Amino acid sequence: MGYYDLAREARLLLTSQKKTRNVREEKDESIEEEIKLWEERLAELGIRVASALIEMEDLEGATRFLSTLKPSSSATPDASLKLEMQKALLWLCLGDVDAARACLSSAVEGDQQEKQVILALAYMADSGFENAVKVWEELISTAGGGSEMAMWKQNLGVCYLYLGRMDSVCIFLSQFSLPTSSYLLYCTDVD
């Protein structure tokens, strides 16, 4: 079953739940929860459809579709933030850095770390490697060694590479070369 079929089914179920809510005279919390659940699922399907369009290289269709994707009026702040962050990443995949930044600015509250990661990626997409280095260094210094730390350090190493800071590149990349690895990283002093 394709994403469009799933989205159609989700819309039908959501419409059915909303009609049931309108028919009943008293407020039923279980129906309200069902409505929120199906709205979140529909938003997630929207992100998946946009992602699939990008994978199929239908960039124009993905752009049009992504620009219509909005959080529902009853979405929780967390759900709205998640949608905006996912949209920002997809806009970066499409190469529209301004639209990605607009998604960041519309997501007022939420996880600052996630916003910083997307901001750093946006700087990198615009060849603003100096600004990206500052953001990656801040993330690395403030984080407690989470699972994203390796990705942040790799991106910092890439920024150093584009800036021509080979000594820093060697330091960061040698951290990922394990002594038991069959591949060794050799860094030489280039003067």
N, C-alpha and C. Protein backbone atom coordinates (compact mmCIF):
# COMPACT_ATOMS: atom_id res chain seq x y z
N MET A 1 0.86 -1.18 0.00
CA MET A 1 0.00 0.00 0.00
C MET A 1 0.90 1.23 0.00
N GLY A 2 0.63 2.19 -0.87
CA GLY A 2 1.44 3.38 -0.98
C GLY A 2 1.09 4.41 0.08
N TYR A 3 1.98 5.40 0.17
CA TYR A 3 1.76 6.46 1.16
C TYR A 3 0.47 7.22 0.90
N TYR A 4 0.15 7.42 -0.37
CA TYR A 4 -1.08 8.15 -0.70
C TYR A 4 -2.31 7.38 -0.21
N ASP A 5 -2.27 6.06 -0.38
CA ASP A 5 -3.39 5.24 0.11
C ASP A 5 -3.49 5.30 1.63
N LEU A 6 -2.34 5.23 2.28
CA LEU A 6 -2.34 5.33 3.74
C LEU A 6 -2.87 6.69 4.21
N ALA A 7 -2.45 7.74 3.52
CA ALA A 7 -2.91 9.08 3.88
C ALA A 7 -4.42 9.21 3.67
N ARG A 8 -4.93 8.65 2.57
CA ARG A 8 -6.37 8.69 2.33
C ARG A 8 -7.12 7.95 3.43
N GLU A 9 -6.62 6.80 3.82
CA GLU A 9 -7.25 6.03 4.89
C GLU A 9 -7.20 6.79 6.22
N ALA A 10 -6.06 7.42 6.50
CA ALA A 10 -5.94 8.20 7.73
C ALA A 10 -6.91 9.38 7.73
N ARG A 11 -7.05 10.05 6.58
CA ARG A 11 -8.00 11.16 6.49
C ARG A 11 -9.44 10.69 6.70
N LEU A 12 -9.78 9.53 6.14
CA LEU A 12 -11.13 8.98 6.33
C LEU A 12 -11.40 8.67 7.80
N LEU A 13 -10.43 8.04 8.45
CA LEU A 13 -10.60 7.73 9.87
C LEU A 13 -10.68 9.00 10.72
N LEU A 14 -9.86 9.98 10.38
CA LEU A 14 -9.87 11.25 11.10
C LEU A 14 -11.20 11.96 10.92
N THR A 15 -11.71 12.00 9.71
CA THR A 15 -13.01 12.61 9.43
C THR A 15 -14.12 11.89 10.18
N SER A 16 -14.05 10.58 10.21
CA SER A 16 -15.04 9.79 10.92
C SER A 16 -15.04 10.11 12.42
N GLN A 17 -13.85 10.22 12.99
CA GLN A 17 -13.74 10.55 14.41
C GLN A 17 -14.27 11.96 14.70
N LYS A 18 -13.98 12.88 13.81
CA LYS A 18 -14.47 14.25 14.01
C LYS A 18 -15.99 14.31 13.90
N LYS A 19 -16.57 13.56 12.98
CA LYS A 19 -18.03 13.51 12.87
C LYS A 19 -18.64 12.91 14.13
N THR A 20 -18.03 11.86 14.64
CA THR A 20 -18.52 11.24 15.88
C THR A 20 -18.46 12.24 17.03
N ARG A 21 -17.38 13.01 17.09
CA ARG A 21 -17.25 14.01 18.15
C ARG A 21 -18.34 15.07 18.03
N ASN A 22 -18.64 15.49 16.80
CA ASN A 22 -19.65 16.54 16.60
C ASN A 22 -21.06 16.05 16.90
N VAL A 23 -21.32 14.77 16.69
CA VAL A 23 -22.66 14.22 16.93
C VAL A 23 -22.94 14.10 18.43
N ARG A 24 -21.94 13.71 19.17
CA ARG A 24 -22.13 13.53 20.61
C ARG A 24 -22.28 14.88 21.30
N GLU A 25 -23.13 14.88 22.30
CA GLU A 25 -23.37 16.14 23.01
C GLU A 25 -22.35 16.37 24.11
N GLU A 26 -21.85 15.31 24.68
CA GLU A 26 -20.87 15.46 25.75
C GLU A 26 -19.48 15.18 25.19
N LYS A 27 -18.50 15.78 25.82
CA LYS A 27 -17.12 15.65 25.35
C LYS A 27 -16.56 14.30 25.81
N ASP A 28 -16.02 13.56 24.86
CA ASP A 28 -15.45 12.24 25.14
C ASP A 28 -13.93 12.32 24.93
N GLU A 29 -13.18 12.12 26.01
CA GLU A 29 -11.73 12.23 25.96
C GLU A 29 -11.09 11.19 25.04
N SER A 30 -11.69 10.00 24.97
CA SER A 30 -11.11 8.96 24.13
C SER A 30 -11.18 9.35 22.65
N ILE A 31 -12.26 10.00 22.26
CA ILE A 31 -12.38 10.45 20.86
C ILE A 31 -11.37 11.57 20.59
N GLU A 32 -11.20 12.47 21.55
CA GLU A 32 -10.22 13.55 21.39
C GLU A 32 -8.81 12.98 21.23
N GLU A 33 -8.49 11.96 22.00
CA GLU A 33 -7.18 11.32 21.89
C GLU A 33 -7.02 10.63 20.54
N GLU A 34 -8.08 10.00 20.06
CA GLU A 34 -8.04 9.35 18.74
C GLU A 34 -7.81 10.38 17.64
N ILE A 35 -8.48 11.51 17.76
CA ILE A 35 -8.31 12.58 16.76
C ILE A 35 -6.87 13.07 16.74
N LYS A 36 -6.30 13.31 17.92
CA LYS A 36 -4.90 13.77 17.99
C LYS A 36 -3.97 12.72 17.40
N LEU A 37 -4.23 11.45 17.71
CA LEU A 37 -3.40 10.37 17.20
C LEU A 37 -3.41 10.33 15.68
N TRP A 38 -4.61 10.42 15.09
CA TRP A 38 -4.71 10.36 13.63
C TRP A 38 -4.16 11.61 12.96
N GLU A 39 -4.25 12.76 13.63
CA GLU A 39 -3.65 13.97 13.08
C GLU A 39 -2.12 13.85 13.05
N GLU A 40 -1.56 13.28 14.12
CA GLU A 40 -0.12 13.07 14.17
C GLU A 40 0.31 12.07 13.10
N ARG A 41 -0.45 11.01 12.94
CA ARG A 41 -0.13 10.01 11.92
C ARG A 41 -0.20 10.62 10.52
N LEU A 42 -1.17 11.46 10.29
CA LEU A 42 -1.33 12.10 8.99
C LEU A 42 -0.13 13.03 8.71
N ALA A 43 0.30 13.77 9.73
CA ALA A 43 1.47 14.64 9.56
C ALA A 43 2.72 13.81 9.27
N GLU A 44 2.87 12.69 9.97
CA GLU A 44 4.02 11.82 9.73
C GLU A 44 3.98 11.25 8.31
N LEU A 45 2.81 10.87 7.86
CA LEU A 45 2.67 10.40 6.48
C LEU A 45 3.04 11.50 5.48
N GLY A 46 2.68 12.72 5.80
CA GLY A 46 3.04 13.84 4.93
C GLY A 46 4.55 13.98 4.79
N ILE A 47 5.26 13.84 5.90
CA ILE A 47 6.73 13.90 5.86
C ILE A 47 7.28 12.74 5.03
N ARG A 48 6.69 11.57 5.20
CA ARG A 48 7.16 10.40 4.43
C ARG A 48 6.89 10.57 2.93
N VAL A 49 5.75 11.15 2.59
CA VAL A 49 5.45 11.39 1.18
C VAL A 49 6.46 12.38 0.59
N ALA A 50 6.73 13.45 1.31
CA ALA A 50 7.71 14.44 0.82
C ALA A 50 9.08 13.79 0.67
N SER A 51 9.46 12.97 1.63
CA SER A 51 10.74 12.28 1.55
C SER A 51 10.79 11.32 0.36
N ALA A 52 9.69 10.62 0.12
CA ALA A 52 9.64 9.70 -1.02
C ALA A 52 9.73 10.47 -2.33
N LEU A 53 9.10 11.63 -2.40
CA LEU A 53 9.18 12.44 -3.62
C LEU A 53 10.62 12.89 -3.87
N ILE A 54 11.33 13.23 -2.79
CA ILE A 54 12.74 13.62 -2.93
C ILE A 54 13.56 12.43 -3.41
N GLU A 55 13.32 11.27 -2.83
CA GLU A 55 14.06 10.07 -3.24
C GLU A 55 13.80 9.73 -4.71
N MET A 56 12.59 9.98 -5.18
CA MET A 56 12.25 9.71 -6.58
C MET A 56 12.72 10.83 -7.51
N GLU A 57 13.37 11.83 -6.92
CA GLU A 57 13.90 12.99 -7.63
C GLU A 57 12.82 13.84 -8.26
N ASP A 58 11.63 13.80 -7.68
CA ASP A 58 10.57 14.72 -8.09
C ASP A 58 10.66 15.94 -7.17
N LEU A 59 11.69 16.73 -7.41
CA LEU A 59 11.99 17.84 -6.52
C LEU A 59 10.94 18.95 -6.58
N GLU A 60 10.39 19.17 -7.76
CA GLU A 60 9.34 20.18 -7.89
C GLU A 60 8.09 19.75 -7.12
N GLY A 61 7.71 18.48 -7.27
CA GLY A 61 6.56 17.96 -6.53
C GLY A 61 6.79 17.98 -5.03
N ALA A 62 8.00 17.63 -4.63
CA ALA A 62 8.33 17.65 -3.20
C ALA A 62 8.26 19.07 -2.65
N THR A 63 8.74 20.03 -3.41
CA THR A 63 8.70 21.43 -2.98
C THR A 63 7.26 21.90 -2.81
N ARG A 64 6.43 21.61 -3.80
CA ARG A 64 5.02 22.01 -3.71
C ARG A 64 4.34 21.33 -2.53
N PHE A 65 4.57 20.03 -2.40
CA PHE A 65 3.92 19.27 -1.33
C PHE A 65 4.39 19.75 0.04
N LEU A 66 5.68 19.95 0.19
CA LEU A 66 6.24 20.35 1.48
C LEU A 66 5.74 21.74 1.90
N SER A 67 5.53 22.61 0.92
CA SER A 67 5.05 23.96 1.26
C SER A 67 3.60 23.95 1.75
N THR A 68 2.85 22.88 1.45
CA THR A 68 1.46 22.80 1.92
C THR A 68 1.34 22.08 3.25
N LEU A 69 2.41 21.46 3.70
CA LEU A 69 2.36 20.65 4.92
C LEU A 69 2.39 21.56 6.15
N LYS A 70 1.30 21.58 6.88
CA LYS A 70 1.17 22.41 8.09
C LYS A 70 0.71 21.55 9.25
N PRO A 71 1.12 21.91 10.47
CA PRO A 71 0.60 21.17 11.62
C PRO A 71 -0.88 21.47 11.82
N SER A 72 -1.59 20.50 12.34
CA SER A 72 -3.02 20.71 12.57
C SER A 72 -3.22 21.73 13.68
N SER A 73 -4.39 22.33 13.72
CA SER A 73 -4.67 23.36 14.72
C SER A 73 -4.69 22.79 16.14
N SER A 74 -4.98 21.50 16.26
CA SER A 74 -5.05 20.90 17.59
C SER A 74 -3.78 20.13 17.95
N ALA A 75 -2.74 20.26 17.13
CA ALA A 75 -1.49 19.54 17.39
C ALA A 75 -0.82 20.08 18.65
N THR A 76 -0.20 19.19 19.37
CA THR A 76 0.53 19.58 20.57
C THR A 76 1.77 20.37 20.14
N PRO A 77 2.32 21.19 21.04
CA PRO A 77 3.55 21.92 20.68
C PRO A 77 4.69 20.98 20.29
N ASP A 78 4.80 19.84 20.96
CA ASP A 78 5.85 18.88 20.61
C ASP A 78 5.66 18.32 19.21
N ALA A 79 4.41 18.01 18.85
CA ALA A 79 4.13 17.48 17.52
C ALA A 79 4.40 18.54 16.45
N SER A 80 4.04 19.79 16.73
CA SER A 80 4.30 20.88 15.78
C SER A 80 5.80 21.09 15.60
N LEU A 81 6.54 21.05 16.72
CA LEU A 81 7.99 21.22 16.65
C LEU A 81 8.63 20.09 15.86
N LYS A 82 8.20 18.87 16.12
CA LYS A 82 8.75 17.72 15.39
C LYS A 82 8.51 17.86 13.90
N LEU A 83 7.31 18.27 13.53
CA LEU A 83 6.98 18.46 12.12
C LEU A 83 7.86 19.53 11.48
N GLU A 84 8.04 20.65 12.18
CA GLU A 84 8.86 21.74 11.64
C GLU A 84 10.32 21.32 11.49
N MET A 85 10.85 20.56 12.44
CA MET A 85 12.24 20.10 12.35
C MET A 85 12.41 19.12 11.19
N GLN A 86 11.44 18.23 11.02
CA GLN A 86 11.51 17.29 9.90
C GLN A 86 11.39 18.02 8.57
N LYS A 87 10.51 19.01 8.51
CA LYS A 87 10.38 19.80 7.29
C LYS A 87 11.69 20.54 6.99
N ALA A 88 12.33 21.07 8.03
CA ALA A 88 13.58 21.80 7.84
C ALA A 88 14.65 20.88 7.23
N LEU A 89 14.73 19.65 7.72
CA LEU A 89 15.70 18.71 7.15
C LEU A 89 15.38 18.39 5.69
N LEU A 90 14.11 18.25 5.38
CA LEU A 90 13.73 17.97 3.99
C LEU A 90 14.01 19.17 3.09
N TRP A 91 13.77 20.38 3.61
CA TRP A 91 14.10 21.57 2.82
C TRP A 91 15.59 21.62 2.54
N LEU A 92 16.42 21.22 3.53
CA LEU A 92 17.86 21.18 3.29
C LEU A 92 18.20 20.16 2.21
N CYS A 93 17.51 19.02 2.21
CA CYS A 93 17.72 18.02 1.16
C CYS A 93 17.38 18.59 -0.21
N LEU A 94 16.39 19.45 -0.25
CA LEU A 94 15.99 20.08 -1.51
C LEU A 94 16.90 21.24 -1.90
N GLY A 95 17.73 21.68 -0.95
CA GLY A 95 18.63 22.79 -1.22
C GLY A 95 18.06 24.15 -0.93
N ASP A 96 16.89 24.21 -0.30
CA ASP A 96 16.27 25.49 0.03
C ASP A 96 16.58 25.84 1.48
N VAL A 97 17.73 26.47 1.67
CA VAL A 97 18.22 26.78 3.00
C VAL A 97 17.33 27.83 3.67
N ASP A 98 16.83 28.78 2.90
CA ASP A 98 15.95 29.81 3.47
C ASP A 98 14.67 29.20 4.03
N ALA A 99 14.09 28.25 3.32
CA ALA A 99 12.87 27.59 3.81
C ALA A 99 13.18 26.78 5.07
N ALA A 100 14.35 26.16 5.12
CA ALA A 100 14.74 25.41 6.32
C ALA A 100 14.87 26.35 7.51
N ARG A 101 15.48 27.51 7.28
CA ARG A 101 15.61 28.49 8.38
C ARG A 101 14.24 29.03 8.80
N ALA A 102 13.33 29.16 7.84
CA ALA A 102 11.98 29.61 8.18
C ALA A 102 11.30 28.59 9.08
N CYS A 103 11.51 27.32 8.83
CA CYS A 103 10.95 26.29 9.70
C CYS A 103 11.54 26.40 11.10
N LEU A 104 12.83 26.71 11.19
CA LEU A 104 13.47 26.88 12.49
C LEU A 104 12.88 28.06 13.24
N SER A 105 12.65 29.16 12.53
CA SER A 105 12.13 30.35 13.19
C SER A 105 10.68 30.19 13.60
N SER A 106 9.92 29.35 12.88
CA SER A 106 8.53 29.15 13.25
C SER A 106 8.40 28.20 14.44
N ALA A 107 9.43 27.41 14.70
CA ALA A 107 9.44 26.50 15.85
C ALA A 107 10.05 27.24 17.02
N VAL A 108 9.21 27.96 17.75
CA VAL A 108 9.68 28.85 18.81
C VAL A 108 10.24 28.06 19.99
N GLU A 109 9.50 27.09 20.45
CA GLU A 109 9.92 26.33 21.62
C GLU A 109 10.54 25.02 21.18
N GLY A 110 11.08 24.29 22.14
CA GLY A 110 11.52 22.95 21.85
C GLY A 110 12.99 22.72 22.09
N ASP A 111 13.45 21.60 21.58
CA ASP A 111 14.80 21.12 21.77
C ASP A 111 15.79 22.03 21.06
N GLN A 112 16.56 22.78 21.84
CA GLN A 112 17.52 23.71 21.27
C GLN A 112 18.65 22.98 20.56
N GLN A 113 19.00 21.78 21.05
CA GLN A 113 20.06 21.01 20.40
C GLN A 113 19.68 20.67 18.97
N GLU A 114 18.45 20.21 18.79
CA GLU A 114 18.00 19.85 17.44
C GLU A 114 18.00 21.07 16.52
N LYS A 115 17.58 22.20 17.05
CA LYS A 115 17.59 23.43 16.26
C LYS A 115 19.02 23.82 15.88
N GLN A 116 19.95 23.67 16.83
CA GLN A 116 21.34 24.02 16.57
C GLN A 116 21.94 23.12 15.49
N VAL A 117 21.60 21.83 15.52
CA VAL A 117 22.10 20.90 14.50
C VAL A 117 21.62 21.34 13.12
N ILE A 118 20.35 21.66 13.01
CA ILE A 118 19.81 22.07 11.71
C ILE A 118 20.40 23.40 11.29
N LEU A 119 20.61 24.30 12.23
CA LEU A 119 21.24 25.59 11.92
C LEU A 119 22.66 25.37 11.40
N ALA A 120 23.41 24.50 12.04
CA ALA A 120 24.78 24.22 11.59
C ALA A 120 24.78 23.60 10.19
N LEU A 121 23.84 22.69 9.94
CA LEU A 121 23.73 22.09 8.61
C LEU A 121 23.36 23.16 7.56
N ALA A 122 22.53 24.11 7.96
CA ALA A 122 22.16 25.20 7.05
C ALA A 122 23.38 26.07 6.74
N TYR A 123 24.19 26.36 7.76
CA TYR A 123 25.42 27.11 7.52
C TYR A 123 26.33 26.36 6.55
N MET A 124 26.44 25.04 6.75
CA MET A 124 27.28 24.24 5.86
C MET A 124 26.74 24.26 4.44
N ALA A 125 25.43 24.20 4.29
CA ALA A 125 24.82 24.22 2.95
C ALA A 125 25.08 25.55 2.24
N ASP A 126 25.21 26.63 3.02
CA ASP A 126 25.49 27.95 2.46
C ASP A 126 26.99 28.26 2.38
N SER A 127 27.83 27.26 2.65
CA SER A 127 29.28 27.42 2.69
C SER A 127 29.73 28.37 3.79
N GLY A 128 28.94 28.49 4.84
CA GLY A 128 29.31 29.30 5.99
C GLY A 128 29.99 28.43 7.04
N PHE A 129 31.16 27.91 6.66
CA PHE A 129 31.81 26.90 7.50
C PHE A 129 32.32 27.47 8.82
N GLU A 130 32.73 28.75 8.83
CA GLU A 130 33.17 29.37 10.10
C GLU A 130 32.03 29.39 11.12
N ASN A 131 30.84 29.80 10.66
CA ASN A 131 29.68 29.81 11.55
C ASN A 131 29.29 28.40 11.97
N ALA A 132 29.38 27.46 11.04
CA ALA A 132 29.05 26.07 11.35
C ALA A 132 30.01 25.52 12.40
N VAL A 133 31.30 25.86 12.30
CA VAL A 133 32.29 25.39 13.27
C VAL A 133 31.90 25.86 14.67
N LYS A 134 31.49 27.11 14.78
CA LYS A 134 31.09 27.65 16.09
C LYS A 134 29.92 26.85 16.68
N VAL A 135 28.94 26.55 15.86
CA VAL A 135 27.77 25.83 16.33
C VAL A 135 28.14 24.40 16.72
N TRP A 136 28.93 23.71 15.85
CA TRP A 136 29.32 22.33 16.17
C TRP A 136 30.16 22.30 17.44
N GLU A 137 31.09 23.26 17.59
CA GLU A 137 31.93 23.28 18.81
C GLU A 137 31.08 23.51 20.05
N GLU A 138 30.10 24.39 19.94
CA GLU A 138 29.21 24.63 21.08
C GLU A 138 28.41 23.38 21.43
N LEU A 139 27.91 22.72 20.42
CA LEU A 139 27.16 21.48 20.68
C LEU A 139 28.03 20.43 21.35
N ILE A 140 29.24 20.27 20.85
CA ILE A 140 30.15 19.26 21.39
C ILE A 140 30.54 19.60 22.82
N SER A 141 30.76 20.88 23.10
CA SER A 141 31.19 21.26 24.46
C SER A 141 30.06 21.18 25.48
N THR A 142 28.82 21.34 25.05
CA THR A 142 27.71 21.33 26.00
C THR A 142 27.03 19.98 26.14
N ALA A 143 27.28 19.09 25.20
CA ALA A 143 26.62 17.78 25.24
C ALA A 143 27.34 16.84 26.18
N GLY A 144 26.58 15.92 26.70
CA GLY A 144 27.13 14.96 27.65
C GLY A 144 27.56 13.66 26.99
N GLY A 145 27.91 13.66 25.74
CA GLY A 145 28.38 12.45 25.09
C GLY A 145 27.26 11.56 24.58
N GLY A 146 26.21 12.15 24.10
CA GLY A 146 25.08 11.38 23.58
C GLY A 146 25.44 10.67 22.29
N SER A 147 24.47 10.01 21.74
CA SER A 147 24.70 9.23 20.53
C SER A 147 24.98 10.11 19.31
N GLU A 148 24.63 11.36 19.38
CA GLU A 148 24.85 12.27 18.25
C GLU A 148 26.26 12.85 18.22
N MET A 149 27.01 12.65 19.30
CA MET A 149 28.34 13.27 19.42
C MET A 149 29.24 12.91 18.23
N ALA A 150 29.24 11.66 17.79
CA ALA A 150 30.09 11.26 16.67
C ALA A 150 29.71 12.01 15.40
N MET A 151 28.41 12.16 15.16
CA MET A 151 27.96 12.89 13.97
C MET A 151 28.41 14.35 14.04
N TRP A 152 28.29 14.94 15.22
CA TRP A 152 28.69 16.34 15.37
C TRP A 152 30.18 16.49 15.11
N LYS A 153 30.98 15.59 15.65
CA LYS A 153 32.43 15.67 15.46
C LYS A 153 32.80 15.44 13.99
N GLN A 154 32.12 14.53 13.34
CA GLN A 154 32.40 14.30 11.92
C GLN A 154 32.08 15.53 11.09
N ASN A 155 30.95 16.18 11.40
CA ASN A 155 30.59 17.39 10.67
C ASN A 155 31.57 18.52 10.98
N LEU A 156 32.03 18.59 12.21
CA LEU A 156 33.05 19.58 12.55
C LEU A 156 34.32 19.30 11.76
N GLY A 157 34.70 18.03 11.65
CA GLY A 157 35.87 17.67 10.85
C GLY A 157 35.70 18.06 9.39
N VAL A 158 34.51 17.88 8.84
CA VAL A 158 34.24 18.27 7.46
C VAL A 158 34.37 19.79 7.30
N CYS A 159 33.87 20.52 8.27
CA CYS A 159 34.00 21.99 8.21
C CYS A 159 35.47 22.40 8.23
N TYR A 160 36.25 21.76 9.11
CA TYR A 160 37.69 22.05 9.15
C TYR A 160 38.35 21.72 7.82
N LEU A 161 37.91 20.64 7.19
CA LEU A 161 38.46 20.25 5.89
C LEU A 161 38.21 21.34 4.86
N TYR A 162 36.97 21.85 4.80
CA TYR A 162 36.64 22.90 3.84
C TYR A 162 37.35 24.21 4.15
N LEU A 163 37.68 24.42 5.43
CA LEU A 163 38.39 25.64 5.80
C LEU A 163 39.90 25.50 5.65
N GLY A 164 40.35 24.29 5.32
CA GLY A 164 41.77 24.07 5.11
C GLY A 164 42.56 23.86 6.39
N ARG A 165 41.90 23.56 7.47
CA ARG A 165 42.57 23.33 8.76
C ARG A 165 42.90 21.84 8.90
N MET A 166 43.92 21.42 8.18
CA MET A 166 44.22 19.99 8.10
C MET A 166 44.66 19.41 9.45
N ASP A 167 45.34 20.20 10.28
CA ASP A 167 45.75 19.67 11.58
C ASP A 167 44.53 19.31 12.43
N SER A 168 43.52 20.14 12.39
CA SER A 168 42.30 19.87 13.14
C SER A 168 41.54 18.68 12.54
N VAL A 169 41.57 18.57 11.22
CA VAL A 169 40.92 17.44 10.56
C VAL A 169 41.54 16.14 11.03
N CYS A 170 42.87 16.10 11.08
CA CYS A 170 43.57 14.88 11.52
C CYS A 170 43.20 14.52 12.94
N ILE A 171 43.09 15.51 13.80
CA ILE A 171 42.73 15.24 15.20
C ILE A 171 41.34 14.62 15.28
N PHE A 172 40.39 15.21 14.60
CA PHE A 172 39.02 14.72 14.68
C PHE A 172 38.85 13.36 14.00
N LEU A 173 39.43 13.21 12.83
CA LEU A 173 39.26 11.95 12.12
C LEU A 173 40.02 10.81 12.77
N SER A 174 41.14 11.11 13.44
CA SER A 174 41.89 10.05 14.12
C SER A 174 41.11 9.51 15.32
N GLN A 175 40.19 10.28 15.84
CA GLN A 175 39.35 9.80 16.94
C GLN A 175 38.43 8.69 16.47
N PHE A 176 38.14 8.62 15.19
CA PHE A 176 37.24 7.61 14.65
C PHE A 176 37.99 6.41 14.10
N SER A 177 39.30 6.50 14.04
CA SER A 177 40.11 5.38 13.58
C SER A 177 40.49 4.54 14.79
N LEU A 178 39.92 3.37 14.88
CA LEU A 178 40.16 2.51 16.03
C LEU A 178 41.47 1.75 15.85
N PRO A 179 42.18 1.47 16.95
CA PRO A 179 43.45 0.76 16.83
C PRO A 179 43.29 -0.65 16.25
N THR A 180 42.13 -1.27 16.42
CA THR A 180 41.90 -2.62 15.90
C THR A 180 41.43 -2.61 14.46
N SER A 181 41.21 -1.43 13.92
CA SER A 181 40.71 -1.32 12.55
C SER A 181 41.79 -1.71 11.55
N SER A 182 41.37 -2.31 10.45
CA SER A 182 42.33 -2.66 9.40
C SER A 182 42.70 -1.43 8.58
N TYR A 183 41.96 -0.37 8.75
CA TYR A 183 42.25 0.88 8.05
C TYR A 183 42.90 1.84 9.03
N LEU A 184 44.03 2.35 8.65
CA LEU A 184 44.72 3.30 9.51
C LEU A 184 44.66 4.68 8.88
N LEU A 185 44.56 5.67 9.73
CA LEU A 185 44.52 7.04 9.24
C LEU A 185 45.90 7.65 9.45
N TYR A 186 46.55 8.02 8.37
CA TYR A 186 47.86 8.64 8.46
C TYR A 186 47.72 10.11 8.17
N CYS A 187 48.14 10.91 9.11
CA CYS A 187 48.13 12.35 8.93
C CYS A 187 49.57 12.83 8.92
N THR A 188 49.93 13.56 7.94
CA THR A 188 51.28 14.09 7.88
C THR A 188 51.22 15.58 8.02
N ASP A 189 52.27 16.13 8.48
CA ASP A 189 52.36 17.57 8.67
C ASP A 189 52.59 18.20 7.31
N VAL A 190 51.63 18.98 6.86
CA VAL A 190 51.74 19.63 5.56
C VAL A 190 52.14 21.08 5.78
N ASP A 191 53.38 21.38 5.44
CA ASP A 191 53.88 22.76 5.59
C ASP A 191 54.27 23.34 4.27
